[in-house]
Protein backbone atom coordinates (compact mmCIF):
# COMPACT_ATOMS: atom_id res chain seq x y z
CA MET A 1 8.66 13.68 -34.75
CA PHE A 2 7.43 12.40 -31.44
CA TYR A 3 8.73 10.35 -28.57
CA LYS A 4 7.33 7.17 -27.21
CA GLN A 5 8.66 6.32 -23.79
CA LEU A 6 9.14 2.75 -22.56
CA ILE A 7 8.99 2.55 -18.79
CA ILE A 8 10.65 -0.64 -17.59
CA THR A 9 8.13 -1.82 -15.08
CA ALA A 10 9.44 -3.64 -12.08
CA GLY A 11 7.70 -6.83 -13.12
CA LEU A 12 9.66 -6.93 -16.42
CA LEU A 13 12.97 -7.09 -14.58
CA PHE A 14 12.35 -10.63 -13.37
CA VAL A 15 12.90 -12.27 -16.76
CA PHE A 16 13.45 -16.01 -16.76
CA GLY A 17 13.90 -18.62 -19.45
CA LEU A 18 15.32 -16.26 -22.05
CA VAL A 19 16.07 -17.69 -25.47
CA ALA A 20 19.74 -18.07 -26.27
CA CYS A 21 21.73 -18.72 -29.41
CA SER A 22 25.30 -19.96 -29.32
CA ASN A 23 26.48 -16.49 -28.32
CA THR A 24 23.47 -14.15 -28.63
CA ALA A 25 19.81 -13.83 -27.63
CA SER A 26 17.08 -11.74 -29.17
CA ALA A 27 14.66 -9.61 -27.17
CA ASN A 28 11.96 -10.66 -29.62
CA ASP A 29 11.45 -13.69 -27.39
CA GLU A 30 10.90 -11.75 -24.18
CA ASP A 31 7.81 -12.21 -22.10
CA SER A 32 4.40 -11.18 -23.37
CA SER A 33 4.18 -8.18 -21.05
CA SER A 34 7.20 -6.68 -22.80
CA SER A 35 5.60 -6.99 -26.22
CA SER A 36 2.29 -5.57 -25.02
CA LEU A 37 4.01 -2.51 -23.63
CA SER A 38 6.19 -1.96 -26.67
CA SER A 39 3.27 -1.17 -28.95
CA SER A 40 2.65 2.15 -27.21
CA VAL A 41 6.01 3.22 -25.81
CA LYS A 42 9.37 4.04 -27.23
CA SER A 43 12.06 3.79 -24.58
CA SER A 44 13.36 1.99 -21.53
CA SER A 45 13.86 3.91 -18.32
CA SER A 46 17.49 4.70 -17.66
CA THR A 47 16.78 4.48 -13.96
CA GLY A 48 17.25 0.74 -14.28
CA THR A 49 21.02 1.20 -14.48
CA THR A 50 23.04 -0.12 -11.56
CA ASN A 51 24.59 3.12 -10.40
CA SER A 52 26.91 1.52 -7.84
CA SER A 53 29.02 -0.16 -10.51
CA SER A 54 32.10 1.36 -12.06
CA SER A 55 32.21 -1.41 -14.65
CA VAL A 56 29.51 0.11 -16.87
CA SER A 57 30.69 3.05 -18.94
CA SER A 58 29.46 4.96 -21.98
CA SER A 59 30.90 7.36 -24.50
CA ALA A 60 29.70 9.17 -27.60
CA SER A 61 29.83 7.36 -30.92
CA SER A 62 30.09 8.96 -34.33
CA SER A 63 27.69 8.12 -37.11
CA THR A 64 28.62 5.53 -39.71
CA SER A 65 27.96 5.48 -43.42
CA GLU A 66 24.46 4.78 -44.70
CA VAL A 67 22.99 7.06 -42.08
CA GLY A 68 19.24 7.41 -42.53
CA SER A 69 18.20 10.61 -40.77
CA ASN A 70 14.57 9.87 -41.55
CA LEU A 71 14.76 6.78 -39.32
CA GLY A 72 14.99 8.91 -36.19
CA THR A 73 17.45 8.79 -33.33
CA VAL A 74 18.48 6.14 -30.82
CA SER A 75 19.80 7.60 -27.56
CA GLY A 76 20.13 7.00 -23.83
CA LEU A 77 21.66 3.54 -24.17
CA THR A 78 22.16 2.01 -20.72
CA ALA A 79 23.15 -1.38 -19.34
CA PHE A 80 22.08 -2.91 -16.04
CA GLN A 81 21.47 -6.23 -14.33
CA ASN A 82 18.15 -7.44 -13.00
CA ALA A 83 17.57 -9.55 -9.89
CA THR A 84 18.63 -12.73 -11.71
CA GLU A 85 21.93 -11.04 -12.64
CA THR A 86 20.97 -11.02 -16.32
CA TRP A 87 22.37 -8.10 -18.31
CA ILE A 88 19.92 -5.85 -20.15
CA LEU A 89 20.46 -3.06 -22.68
CA ALA A 90 17.80 -0.35 -22.83
CA TRP A 91 17.48 2.75 -24.97
CA THR A 92 15.25 5.63 -26.02
CA TYR A 93 14.00 6.05 -29.58
CA ALA A 94 12.80 9.25 -31.23
CA GLU A 95 10.87 8.16 -34.28
CA GLY A 96 11.52 9.80 -37.63
CA SER A 97 9.37 10.19 -40.73
CA VAL A 98 10.24 6.61 -41.78
CA SER A 99 9.21 3.78 -39.46
CA GLU A 100 11.93 1.42 -38.34
CA LYS A 101 11.90 -2.29 -39.14
CA GLY A 102 13.82 -3.06 -35.97
CA PHE A 103 16.98 -2.29 -34.03
CA GLN A 104 20.46 -3.66 -34.59
CA ILE A 105 22.86 -4.28 -31.71
CA ASP A 106 26.54 -4.02 -32.71
CA LYS A 107 29.53 -5.20 -30.67
CA PHE A 108 33.04 -3.85 -31.05
CA ASN A 109 35.64 -6.46 -32.07
CA GLU A 110 38.84 -5.49 -30.27
CA SER A 111 41.11 -7.82 -32.27
CA LYS A 112 39.84 -6.55 -35.64
CA ASN A 113 39.31 -2.97 -34.43
CA THR A 114 35.88 -2.84 -36.05
CA TRP A 115 32.18 -3.05 -35.25
CA GLU A 116 30.29 -6.25 -36.00
CA VAL A 117 26.62 -7.11 -35.97
CA PHE A 118 25.83 -8.84 -32.67
CA ASP A 119 22.04 -9.27 -32.83
CA SER A 120 18.82 -7.44 -33.56
CA VAL A 121 15.34 -6.95 -32.13
CA GLY A 122 12.05 -6.19 -33.81
CA VAL A 123 10.10 -3.01 -34.30
CA ASP A 124 8.85 -1.28 -31.16
CA THR A 125 11.30 -3.18 -28.94
CA TYR A 126 13.60 -0.94 -26.93
CA ARG A 127 15.52 -3.36 -24.77
CA TYR A 128 17.74 -6.37 -25.27
CA VAL A 129 18.22 -9.15 -22.74
CA PHE A 130 21.39 -11.24 -22.88
CA ALA A 131 20.91 -14.97 -22.47
CA VAL A 132 24.60 -15.50 -21.67
CA LYS A 133 27.14 -13.58 -19.63
CA ALA A 134 27.64 -10.21 -21.29
CA SER A 135 30.99 -8.53 -21.85
CA GLY A 136 32.14 -5.94 -24.38
CA THR A 137 31.20 -2.60 -25.91
CA PHE A 138 27.82 -2.22 -27.61
CA ARG A 139 25.84 0.30 -29.62
CA VAL A 140 22.34 0.35 -31.11
CA SER A 141 20.78 1.78 -34.28
CA ALA A 142 17.37 1.68 -35.90
CA TYR A 143 17.25 0.12 -39.34
CA LYS A 144 15.03 -0.50 -42.32
CA ASP A 145 16.45 -2.74 -45.02
CA ALA A 146 20.07 -1.59 -45.54
CA VAL A 147 19.55 1.91 -44.09
CA HIS A 148 20.44 2.72 -40.49
CA SER A 149 19.76 5.65 -38.20
CA SER A 150 22.59 7.35 -36.40
CA TYR A 151 24.11 5.17 -33.70
CA SER A 152 23.44 5.50 -30.03
CA SER A 153 26.17 6.23 -27.54
CA GLU A 154 28.30 3.22 -26.66
CA VAL A 155 28.07 1.29 -23.45
CA THR A 156 30.72 -1.07 -22.09
CA ILE A 157 29.93 -4.07 -19.92
CA ASP A 158 32.93 -5.47 -18.10
CA GLY A 159 32.15 -8.34 -15.77
CA ASP A 160 29.60 -8.50 -13.00
CA VAL A 161 28.41 -5.75 -10.71
CA ALA A 162 27.17 -5.84 -7.15
CA LEU A 163 23.47 -6.60 -6.99
CA THR A 164 21.36 -3.63 -5.97
CA ASP A 165 19.88 -4.00 -2.48
CA LEU A 166 16.19 -4.84 -2.26
CA SER A 167 14.26 -1.80 -1.04
CA ALA A 168 13.03 -1.98 2.54
CA PRO A 169 9.48 -1.07 3.64
CA SER A 170 9.15 2.05 5.77
CA SER A 171 6.64 4.00 7.89
CA LEU A 172 4.86 0.93 9.24
CA THR A 173 1.77 2.03 11.20
CA ALA A 174 -1.08 0.28 13.02
CA ALA A 175 -4.73 1.30 13.37
CA ARG A 176 -7.81 -0.46 14.70
CA LEU A 177 -10.73 -1.33 12.42
CA ALA A 178 -12.79 -2.98 15.17
CA PRO A 179 -12.27 -3.96 18.84
CA SER A 180 -10.03 -6.91 17.86
CA VAL A 181 -9.19 -6.11 14.23
CA TRP A 182 -6.13 -4.09 13.26
CA LEU A 183 -4.78 -2.67 10.03
CA LEU A 184 -1.04 -2.60 9.38
CA SER A 185 0.10 -0.39 6.49
CA TRP A 186 3.50 0.70 5.21
CA SER A 187 5.22 2.63 2.45
CA TYR A 188 7.28 0.94 -0.22
CA THR A 189 9.24 2.24 -3.21
CA THR A 190 9.71 -0.44 -5.84
CA SER A 191 13.16 -0.64 -7.42
CA LEU A 192 13.24 -0.88 -11.20
CA VAL A 193 16.43 -2.91 -11.00
CA ARG A 194 15.40 -5.34 -8.26
CA ARG A 195 11.72 -5.80 -7.61
CA GLU A 196 10.15 -7.53 -4.64
CA SER A 197 8.31 -10.84 -5.01
CA GLY A 198 6.25 -10.01 -1.93
CA PHE A 199 6.46 -9.16 1.75
CA ILE A 200 7.12 -11.04 4.97
CA LEU A 201 5.12 -10.15 8.09
CA GLU A 202 6.81 -11.04 11.38
CA LYS A 203 5.68 -10.86 15.01
CA TYR A 204 7.88 -10.71 18.09
CA ASN A 205 7.60 -13.80 20.27
CA THR A 206 8.09 -12.76 23.88
CA GLU A 207 8.66 -16.34 25.01
CA THR A 208 11.51 -17.09 22.63
CA GLN A 209 12.54 -13.42 22.46
CA ASP A 210 12.80 -13.68 18.70
CA TRP A 211 10.84 -12.70 15.59
CA ALA A 212 8.68 -15.30 13.82
CA VAL A 213 7.00 -15.20 10.40
CA VAL A 214 3.21 -15.05 10.69
CA ASP A 215 2.26 -14.37 7.07
CA THR A 216 3.61 -13.72 3.56
CA LEU A 217 1.99 -11.18 1.27
CA ALA A 218 1.93 -10.71 -2.48
CA GLN A 219 3.84 -8.25 -4.64
CA ASP A 220 2.56 -4.64 -4.55
CA VAL A 221 0.72 -5.21 -1.24
CA ASN A 222 1.32 -2.51 1.37
CA ARG A 223 -1.33 -3.32 3.98
CA VAL A 224 -2.64 -6.30 5.89
CA VAL A 225 -5.63 -6.78 8.19
CA LEU A 226 -4.99 -8.68 11.41
CA ASP A 227 -8.26 -10.48 12.04
CA SER A 228 -8.45 -13.95 13.57
CA VAL A 229 -11.81 -14.74 11.96
CA LYS A 230 -11.32 -13.66 8.35
CA SER A 231 -7.59 -14.16 8.03
CA GLY A 232 -7.43 -17.34 10.07
CA MET A 233 -4.43 -15.99 11.98
CA ASP A 234 -4.28 -16.27 15.74
CA ILE A 235 -3.91 -12.59 16.44
CA SER A 236 -2.59 -11.58 19.81
CA LEU A 237 -1.26 -8.28 21.01
CA GLY A 238 2.37 -7.55 20.33
CA SER A 239 4.89 -6.02 17.94
CA TYR A 240 5.04 -6.52 14.18
CA ARG A 241 7.49 -5.68 11.39
CA VAL A 242 7.65 -6.12 7.60
CA ALA A 243 10.38 -6.93 5.05
CA ALA A 244 10.33 -7.30 1.25
CA TYR A 245 11.69 -10.47 -0.33
CA ASP A 246 12.60 -11.97 -3.70
CA ASN A 247 14.25 -15.17 -4.90
CA LEU A 248 17.66 -13.89 -3.82
CA GLY A 249 16.79 -12.91 -0.26
CA ARG A 250 15.02 -10.23 1.74
CA SER A 251 15.36 -6.54 2.41
CA ASP A 252 16.08 -4.83 5.69
CA TYR A 253 13.11 -4.69 8.05
CA SER A 254 10.75 -1.80 8.53
CA ASN A 255 10.29 -0.16 11.89
CA ASP A 256 8.31 -2.33 14.31
CA VAL A 257 4.89 -1.24 15.56
CA SER A 258 2.87 -2.31 18.57
CA VAL A 259 -0.68 -3.64 18.27
CA SER A 260 -2.80 -3.25 21.41
CA ILE A 261 -6.21 -2.27 22.71
CA GLN A 262 -4.80 1.22 23.14
CA THR A 263 -4.14 1.45 19.39
CA ALA A 264 -6.26 4.29 18.02
CA TYR A 265 -9.05 3.54 15.59
CA ASP A 266 -8.48 4.29 11.92
CA SER A 267 -9.33 7.88 10.98
CA ASP A 268 -12.29 6.59 8.96
CA ILE A 269 -13.80 4.91 12.03
CA VAL A 270 -15.94 7.14 14.26
CA PHE A 271 -16.77 5.40 17.54
CA THR A 272 -18.23 7.88 19.96
CA ALA A 273 -20.93 8.35 22.58
CA PRO A 274 -24.37 9.54 21.43
CA THR A 275 -24.70 13.30 21.23
CA GLY A 276 -27.60 15.74 21.27
CA LEU A 277 -29.47 13.82 24.00
CA VAL A 278 -32.75 15.44 25.12
CA PRO A 279 -34.12 15.03 28.68
CA ASN A 280 -37.86 14.74 29.35
CA VAL A 281 -40.15 14.19 32.35
CA VAL A 282 -43.26 12.05 32.04
CA ILE A 283 -45.99 11.70 34.61
CA SER A 284 -45.97 8.58 36.85
CA PRO A 285 -43.20 9.93 37.60
CA ILE A 286 -40.85 8.91 34.81
CA ILE A 287 -37.64 10.53 33.59
CA GLU A 288 -36.77 9.94 29.94
CA ILE A 289 -33.76 10.57 27.72
CA VAL A 290 -34.45 10.88 24.00
CA ILE A 291 -31.63 9.70 21.66
CA PRO A 292 -31.76 11.43 18.28
CA THR A 293 -30.49 9.74 15.15
CA ASN A 294 -26.71 9.99 15.32
CA PRO A 295 -24.97 9.72 11.92
CA LEU A 296 -21.51 9.85 13.50
CA ASN A 297 -21.43 6.13 14.23
CA LYS A 298 -22.55 5.01 10.78
CA THR A 299 -19.03 3.77 10.02
CA VAL A 300 -19.27 1.43 13.02
CA GLU A 301 -22.85 0.41 12.27
CA GLN A 302 -21.99 -0.49 8.66
CA SER A 303 -18.56 -2.03 9.33
CA GLU A 304 -18.00 -5.54 7.96
CA TYR A 305 -16.37 -6.42 11.28
CA THR A 306 -19.41 -5.49 13.43
CA LYS A 307 -21.44 -8.28 14.97
CA SER A 308 -23.76 -6.11 17.07
CA LEU A 309 -24.22 -2.67 18.60
CA SER A 310 -26.07 -1.71 21.77
CA TYR A 311 -26.32 1.09 24.30
CA GLU A 312 -25.52 1.07 27.99
CA ILE A 313 -26.89 3.58 30.48
CA ILE A 314 -26.01 4.43 34.07
CA TRP A 315 -28.84 6.17 35.92
CA VAL A 316 -28.00 8.45 38.83
CA VAL A 317 -31.05 9.02 41.04
CA GLY A 318 -30.42 11.64 43.66
CA ASP A 319 -26.82 10.87 44.48
CA VAL A 320 -27.05 7.10 44.00
CA GLU A 321 -25.49 5.52 40.89
CA ALA A 322 -27.37 2.47 39.66
CA THR A 323 -26.01 -0.64 37.95
CA PRO A 324 -25.48 -0.16 34.18
CA ILE A 325 -28.35 -1.31 31.99
CA THR A 326 -27.96 -2.47 28.38
CA PHE A 327 -30.64 -1.63 25.81
CA SER A 328 -31.09 -1.90 22.07
CA TYR A 329 -29.19 0.31 19.64
CA THR A 330 -32.38 0.71 17.62
CA LYS A 331 -34.27 2.39 20.49
CA ASN A 332 -34.58 6.16 20.29
CA SER A 333 -35.25 6.73 23.97
CA VAL A 334 -34.75 5.21 27.41
CA ALA A 335 -36.82 5.89 30.54
CA LEU A 336 -36.72 5.25 34.29
CA THR A 337 -39.47 5.37 36.92
CA VAL A 338 -38.29 7.22 40.02
CA ASP A 339 -39.73 8.39 43.32
CA ALA A 340 -41.47 11.74 43.12
CA ALA A 341 -38.82 13.27 45.36
CA ASP A 342 -36.14 12.40 42.81
CA LEU A 343 -38.07 13.36 39.69
CA CYS A 344 -36.20 16.62 39.29
CA ASN A 345 -32.92 15.35 40.67
CA SER A 346 -31.92 12.51 38.32
CA TYR A 347 -29.83 12.00 35.19
CA GLY A 348 -28.24 9.36 33.03
CA ARG A 349 -25.05 8.78 31.03
CA ILE A 350 -25.10 6.65 27.86
CA ARG A 351 -22.33 4.97 25.88
CA LEU A 352 -22.15 2.83 22.75
CA VAL A 353 -21.19 -0.84 23.06
CA TRP A 354 -19.48 -2.40 20.01
CA THR A 355 -19.17 -6.20 19.68
CA ASP A 356 -17.06 -7.32 16.72
CA GLU A 357 -17.16 -10.58 14.75
CA ASN A 358 -14.59 -12.11 17.11
CA GLY A 359 -16.91 -11.50 20.07
CA ILE A 360 -14.64 -8.82 21.52
CA ILE A 361 -16.34 -5.77 23.04
CA ASP A 362 -15.30 -2.15 23.21
CA TYR A 363 -17.04 0.83 24.75
CA SER A 364 -17.20 4.42 23.66
CA GLU A 365 -16.77 7.26 26.11
CA TRP A 366 -19.79 8.14 28.22
CA SER A 367 -22.13 10.85 27.01
CA VAL A 368 -22.49 14.08 28.94
CA PRO A 369 -24.84 13.70 31.94
CA THR A 370 -28.39 14.29 30.75
CA GLY A 371 -31.53 14.60 32.88
CA SER A 372 -33.45 16.79 35.29
CA LYS A 373 -30.71 17.43 37.84
CA PRO A 374 -29.14 20.91 37.80
CA GLY A 375 -25.68 20.80 36.25
CA THR A 376 -26.66 18.31 33.58
CA ASN A 377 -27.41 19.32 30.03
CA SER A 378 -31.11 19.87 30.90
CA LYS A 379 -30.19 23.56 31.31
CA LEU A 380 -32.63 23.89 34.21
CA VAL A 381 -32.69 27.20 36.04
CA ASP A 382 -35.05 26.01 38.81
CA ASN A 383 -36.02 22.35 39.11
CA ALA A 384 -37.99 22.67 42.33
CA VAL A 385 -41.35 22.95 40.58
CA PHE A 386 -43.34 19.71 40.55
CA ASN A 387 -42.90 17.61 37.41
CA CYS A 388 -40.00 19.81 36.35
CA PRO A 389 -42.10 21.80 33.84
CA GLN A 390 -39.00 23.30 32.26
CA LEU A 391 -38.33 19.92 30.69
CA LYS A 392 -41.71 19.58 29.05
C-alpha cells in the first residue's frame, strides 16, 4: 500500500465556471491543471481549510455494508472555501490492492435519517467543487462497481464562513544594481485558501502626500527592477511599498523602503577602487602608476546596466593637487611628466567611474595614494636619491 499526496496548489483555488447540475456538480469537469496533477498524487492538502470558521465540523463515521478493504482508505476529509467563496471538499486516499474506479460523495438526509448518494468523481480525483451553495453533512468513499471502501470521516458545512485574509508581503528591501537602477525584493507566503493574482507597487507622492500606484506585477513575482530605460517607468528617489491583490481586493501593505543614491549596492555588485597599484619612475622625468588587472569589478564591467567605465586620477605633485584627469578603463598604466625636483615627491589617487544606461554616473572610493612620495604605498625608505632608484 502506498500514499499519493495531492497538494492543492494555490492556482487551483481560483476555480471559475464550474459545471453544475440541478443540485450537484462533479469535480470531473474541473480545470485541466487539476486533472494533470491527479495522475501522480493522491490527496488534497488539509491546510486549505478555513480555520477561522466554527461552521465546519467533522466527526468519525462507521463503515457501512459492502466494505471493500482492498479498495484502500479515504481519510482527512476537509471542507473550505476558495477566494470566489466556492465550497470545496478535499481528502486523502491510501490506495489498496484493488484500484478504485472513482469516489462517491454521500450527503446525509436529515428528514429520512439516512445517507444518500450526492455525486461522484473519477479515478485519481481527490477533491470536489460545489457549483451551488453547499450545506449539509458529507462523507466520501472509494468505489469499484458495487463495492465501496470504508467511509471517510464526516464533514458538515453550515452556511458561509468569513473569507480568509489575503497574505501581505513582508521584508521589503532595496538595493542598487547600477547608479540609477534599483532592485526591490520582498518575501511572500502564498495562502492555499486565497491566492494572490499579483502585486501592486506604490510610491509615496510628496506633493499630494499620498501613495500612488506605479506598477502592477504578476502572480508569484517577488522582485522588481526600477529602471527608467528598460521598464519605461519614470523612476525618482522616494519611498515604495507593495501589496498583494486578487479579484476581491488587496492585502495589507508591506513595510515601506526608501530608494536613494545612498542605497547600498546589491551584494553581488562589487564597485571599488583599483587595488594593487604599482608606482614606477621613468627617465624624462616621468612618474608612472601601473594598474594590474583587477577582477573585483568584473560584475560592474559585465553588468547589463553599464554604458561605460573609465578611470579618474588626481595627481599630487609636491604638495599641489592637480585637476582630476579621466582616462580609459582599458589602460593598464597612467603617467605624468614632472619637474626633476618633484620626481621623488609625487603620487596619485585613482577611482573607477561608472556610467549606467540612463547616463547617470557614480564614483568608487579613491585608491590609496600611490607614487614616489614617502608615506604612499611606494614603501620608500629614502627617496632623496636621483631618479628614485628604489622604485625601479
